[in-house]
């Protein structure tokens, strides 16, 4: 069974269609997060290391170009809809939390958030839609979208390449290792973001009034 899967994957990776698939998946993932573009790019990187096909540099290039296009499509959707797409997101869902994070992050750190959001599940779509909905200047959006796309394509491809080099005789194990490394990095980013968000939230500290012991006064302090 594994040999059949490996043979099929090898045939796919050696075809020029793989570059079109990488480009298309990366583009769709920019405004439709359900597309597993990272998995495909990582897998291509694994086979580039173990079999030499597809070409490592072309993987990075087409993945980055697709991501760049997808981010701009998401930006234009947000700009054209005027925020209505974001307002329809159901409260309490993960997507609603991503949108809220995007709005807050955009106010605090601007364009750099666009680069970081590339590595947060759902974050890339939320931030690009938000930038479009608030009419963020396209001339400022495009350079950072390009930086985010290139860094993401390079990262995903090299993660797969490392997995492929570790298991040159068994690309399937390399794929598992590569995807595992990508998930580990995503988890670390999520944990750091969650910790920073908790630190920025106000904390309620009860203090006893020495003159009126039965009553309790509440002081709000914000941790930096």
Protein backbone atom coordinates (compact mmCIF):
# COMPACT_ATOMS: atom_id res chain seq x y z
CA UNK A 1 0.00 0.00 0.00
CA UNK A 2 2.74 2.43 0.97
CA UNK A 3 4.70 1.61 -2.17
CA UNK A 4 1.63 2.36 -4.30
CA UNK A 5 1.13 5.70 -2.55
CA UNK A 6 4.82 6.49 -2.95
CA UNK A 7 4.70 5.62 -6.65
CA UNK A 8 1.64 7.82 -7.21
CA UNK A 9 3.18 10.72 -5.29
CA UNK A 10 6.41 10.35 -7.22
CA UNK A 11 4.56 10.47 -10.54
CA UNK A 12 2.68 13.57 -9.42
CA UNK A 13 5.78 15.35 -8.18
CA UNK A 14 7.69 14.66 -11.40
CA UNK A 15 4.95 16.21 -13.55
CA UNK A 16 4.92 19.90 -14.50
CA UNK A 17 1.33 20.00 -13.22
CA UNK A 18 2.68 20.07 -9.68
CA UNK A 19 3.81 23.67 -10.15
CA UNK A 20 0.33 24.70 -11.26
CA UNK A 21 -1.15 22.85 -8.27
CA UNK A 22 1.28 24.55 -5.86
CA UNK A 23 0.45 27.95 -7.28
CA UNK A 24 -3.30 27.32 -7.26
CA UNK A 25 -3.43 25.88 -3.73
CA UNK A 26 -1.34 28.73 -2.33
CA UNK A 27 -3.55 31.30 -4.08
CA UNK A 28 -6.82 29.76 -2.89
CA UNK A 29 -5.51 29.44 0.64
CA UNK A 30 -5.13 33.23 0.75
CA UNK A 31 -8.91 33.72 0.86
CA UNK A 32 -10.19 30.17 1.51
CA UNK A 33 -8.28 28.81 4.54
CA UNK A 34 -9.65 25.26 4.20
CA UNK A 35 -7.16 24.58 1.37
CA UNK A 36 -4.13 22.64 2.76
CA UNK A 37 -1.50 24.58 0.84
CA UNK A 38 1.23 24.12 3.47
CA UNK A 39 0.90 20.34 3.27
CA UNK A 40 1.38 20.34 -0.49
CA UNK A 41 4.35 22.70 -0.37
CA UNK A 42 6.00 20.71 2.42
CA UNK A 43 5.44 17.47 0.50
CA UNK A 44 6.97 18.98 -2.63
CA UNK A 45 9.98 20.04 -0.56
CA UNK A 46 10.37 16.49 0.73
CA UNK A 47 10.44 15.02 -2.78
CA UNK A 48 12.81 17.74 -3.96
CA UNK A 49 15.28 16.52 -1.34
CA UNK A 50 14.78 12.78 -1.83
CA UNK A 51 14.26 12.48 -5.60
CA UNK A 52 15.33 15.82 -7.04
CA UNK A 53 11.86 16.55 -8.42
CA UNK A 54 10.17 18.99 -8.38
CA UNK A 55 12.80 21.74 -8.53
CA UNK A 56 13.45 23.28 -5.13
CA UNK A 57 13.70 26.87 -6.36
CA UNK A 58 10.59 26.61 -8.51
CA UNK A 59 8.63 25.29 -5.53
CA UNK A 60 9.56 28.38 -3.53
CA UNK A 61 8.82 30.71 -6.43
CA UNK A 62 5.39 29.37 -7.43
CA UNK A 63 4.25 28.94 -3.82
CA UNK A 64 5.24 32.55 -3.04
CA UNK A 65 3.56 33.87 -6.19
CA UNK A 66 0.37 31.99 -5.38
CA UNK A 67 0.34 33.26 -1.79
CA UNK A 68 0.97 36.81 -3.02
CA UNK A 69 -1.97 36.61 -5.41
CA UNK A 70 -4.26 35.03 -2.81
CA UNK A 71 -3.51 37.74 -0.25
CA UNK A 72 -4.41 40.42 -2.77
CA UNK A 73 -7.64 38.66 -3.70
CA UNK A 74 -8.56 38.55 -0.01
CA UNK A 75 -7.63 42.23 0.37
CA UNK A 76 -9.81 43.21 -2.61
CA UNK A 77 -12.71 41.12 -1.29
CA UNK A 78 -12.52 42.97 2.00
CA UNK A 79 -12.23 46.32 0.26
CA UNK A 80 -15.15 45.65 -2.07
CA UNK A 81 -17.45 44.28 0.60
CA UNK A 82 -16.70 47.16 2.93
CA UNK A 83 -16.40 44.93 5.99
CA UNK A 84 -19.70 43.10 5.45
CA UNK A 85 -17.92 39.77 5.06
CA UNK A 86 -16.32 40.18 8.47
CA UNK A 87 -19.51 41.40 10.12
CA UNK A 88 -21.27 38.18 9.10
CA UNK A 89 -18.82 36.01 11.02
CA UNK A 90 -20.63 34.25 13.88
CA UNK A 91 -19.55 35.43 17.35
CA UNK A 92 -17.81 32.88 19.52
CA UNK A 93 -16.26 30.95 16.63
CA UNK A 94 -12.55 30.57 15.90
CA UNK A 95 -12.99 32.70 12.81
CA UNK A 96 -14.55 35.48 14.88
CA UNK A 97 -11.62 35.31 17.28
CA UNK A 98 -9.20 35.53 14.35
CA UNK A 99 -11.00 38.59 12.99
CA UNK A 100 -10.93 40.29 16.40
CA UNK A 101 -7.24 39.54 16.72
CA UNK A 102 -6.61 40.91 13.24
CA UNK A 103 -8.36 44.20 13.98
CA UNK A 104 -6.54 44.71 17.26
CA UNK A 105 -3.17 43.71 15.84
CA UNK A 106 -3.60 45.98 12.83
CA UNK A 107 -4.18 48.97 15.09
CA UNK A 108 -1.12 48.18 17.20
CA UNK A 109 1.57 46.96 14.79
CA UNK A 110 0.42 47.62 11.24
CA UNK A 111 2.15 45.96 8.30
CA UNK A 112 4.43 43.65 10.30
CA UNK A 113 1.34 41.77 11.46
CA UNK A 114 0.73 40.77 7.85
CA UNK A 115 4.02 38.86 7.82
CA UNK A 116 3.38 37.15 11.17
CA UNK A 117 -0.23 36.30 10.23
CA UNK A 118 1.09 34.05 7.43
CA UNK A 119 1.98 31.49 10.12
CA UNK A 120 -1.28 31.63 12.10
CA UNK A 121 -4.18 29.35 11.08
CA UNK A 122 -6.92 31.61 9.73
CA UNK A 123 -4.86 34.66 10.59
CA UNK A 124 -3.69 35.40 7.07
CA UNK A 125 -7.24 35.62 5.71
CA UNK A 126 -8.51 37.61 8.68
CA UNK A 127 -5.76 40.21 8.47
CA UNK A 128 -5.94 40.67 4.69
CA UNK A 129 -9.74 40.97 4.73
CA UNK A 130 -9.49 43.45 7.58
CA UNK A 131 -6.87 45.52 5.78
CA UNK A 132 -9.14 45.68 2.76
CA UNK A 133 -12.27 46.51 4.75
CA UNK A 134 -10.61 49.44 6.53
CA UNK A 135 -9.23 50.72 3.18
CA UNK A 136 -5.62 50.13 4.15
CA UNK A 137 -3.42 51.74 1.43
CA UNK A 138 -2.58 49.19 -1.27
CA UNK A 139 0.84 50.74 -1.83
CA UNK A 140 1.72 49.87 1.78
CA UNK A 141 -0.02 46.50 1.73
CA UNK A 142 1.72 45.10 -1.37
CA UNK A 143 5.39 45.21 -0.23
CA UNK A 144 4.64 43.47 3.06
CA UNK A 145 2.37 40.96 1.32
CA UNK A 146 5.32 40.15 -0.93
CA UNK A 147 7.63 39.73 2.05
CA UNK A 148 5.10 37.49 3.79
CA UNK A 149 4.60 35.34 0.68
CA UNK A 150 8.32 34.86 0.05
CA UNK A 151 9.08 34.01 3.67
CA UNK A 152 6.17 31.56 3.79
CA UNK A 153 7.15 29.82 0.55
CA UNK A 154 10.76 29.57 1.69
CA UNK A 155 9.78 28.31 5.14
CA UNK A 156 7.35 25.60 3.99
CA UNK A 157 9.68 24.35 1.25
CA UNK A 158 12.74 24.17 3.49
CA UNK A 159 10.80 22.42 6.25
CA UNK A 160 9.88 19.74 3.72
CA UNK A 161 13.43 19.68 2.36
CA UNK A 162 14.80 19.01 5.84
CA UNK A 163 12.34 16.14 6.28
CA UNK A 164 13.31 14.74 2.89
CA UNK A 165 17.01 14.87 3.68
CA UNK A 166 16.40 13.11 6.99
CA UNK A 167 14.61 10.22 5.22
CA UNK A 168 15.98 10.18 1.69
CA UNK A 169 15.15 6.47 1.30
CA UNK A 170 11.58 6.87 2.56
CA UNK A 171 9.88 10.07 1.40
CA UNK A 172 6.67 9.19 3.25
CA UNK A 173 8.49 9.43 6.57
CA UNK A 174 9.99 12.66 5.36
CA UNK A 175 6.52 14.03 4.67
CA UNK A 176 5.38 13.07 8.17
CA UNK A 177 8.46 14.72 9.69
CA UNK A 178 8.07 17.84 7.56
CA UNK A 179 4.40 18.30 8.38
CA UNK A 180 5.18 17.63 12.04
CA UNK A 181 7.82 20.36 12.05
CA UNK A 182 5.40 22.78 10.39
CA UNK A 183 2.69 22.00 12.94
CA UNK A 184 5.19 22.41 15.78
CA UNK A 185 6.16 25.88 14.55
CA UNK A 186 2.48 26.83 14.18
CA UNK A 187 1.79 25.62 17.71
CA UNK A 188 4.68 27.65 19.11
CA UNK A 189 3.44 30.78 17.34
CA UNK A 190 -0.07 30.21 18.69
CA UNK A 191 1.19 29.69 22.26
CA UNK A 192 3.29 32.85 22.13
CA UNK A 193 0.39 34.85 20.69
CA UNK A 194 -2.00 33.50 23.34
CA UNK A 195 0.45 34.35 26.12
CA UNK A 196 0.98 37.88 24.81
CA UNK A 197 -2.76 38.39 24.49
CA UNK A 198 -3.35 37.28 28.09
CA UNK A 199 -0.62 39.61 29.33
CA UNK A 200 -2.22 42.56 27.53
CA UNK A 201 -5.67 41.97 29.05
CA UNK A 202 -6.66 43.95 32.18
CA UNK A 203 -6.58 42.04 35.44
CA UNK A 204 -9.07 42.55 38.23
CA UNK A 205 -7.49 42.67 41.68
CA UNK A 206 -9.77 42.80 44.75
CA UNK A 207 -8.49 44.95 47.64
CA UNK A 208 -9.98 45.14 51.10
CA UNK A 209 -10.88 48.62 52.32
CA UNK A 210 -9.28 48.94 55.76
CA UNK A 211 -12.07 51.24 57.01
CA UNK A 212 -14.99 49.15 55.78
CA UNK A 213 -13.94 45.51 55.99
CA UNK A 214 -17.23 44.00 54.73
CA UNK A 215 -16.93 46.01 51.51
CA UNK A 216 -14.50 45.23 48.77
CA UNK A 217 -13.14 47.79 46.33
CA UNK A 218 -12.02 46.70 42.90
CA UNK A 219 -8.99 48.18 41.17
CA UNK A 220 -8.24 47.66 37.51
CA UNK A 221 -4.62 47.49 36.55
CA UNK A 222 -3.21 46.69 33.20
CA UNK A 223 -0.09 44.69 32.88
CA UNK A 224 2.35 45.75 30.25
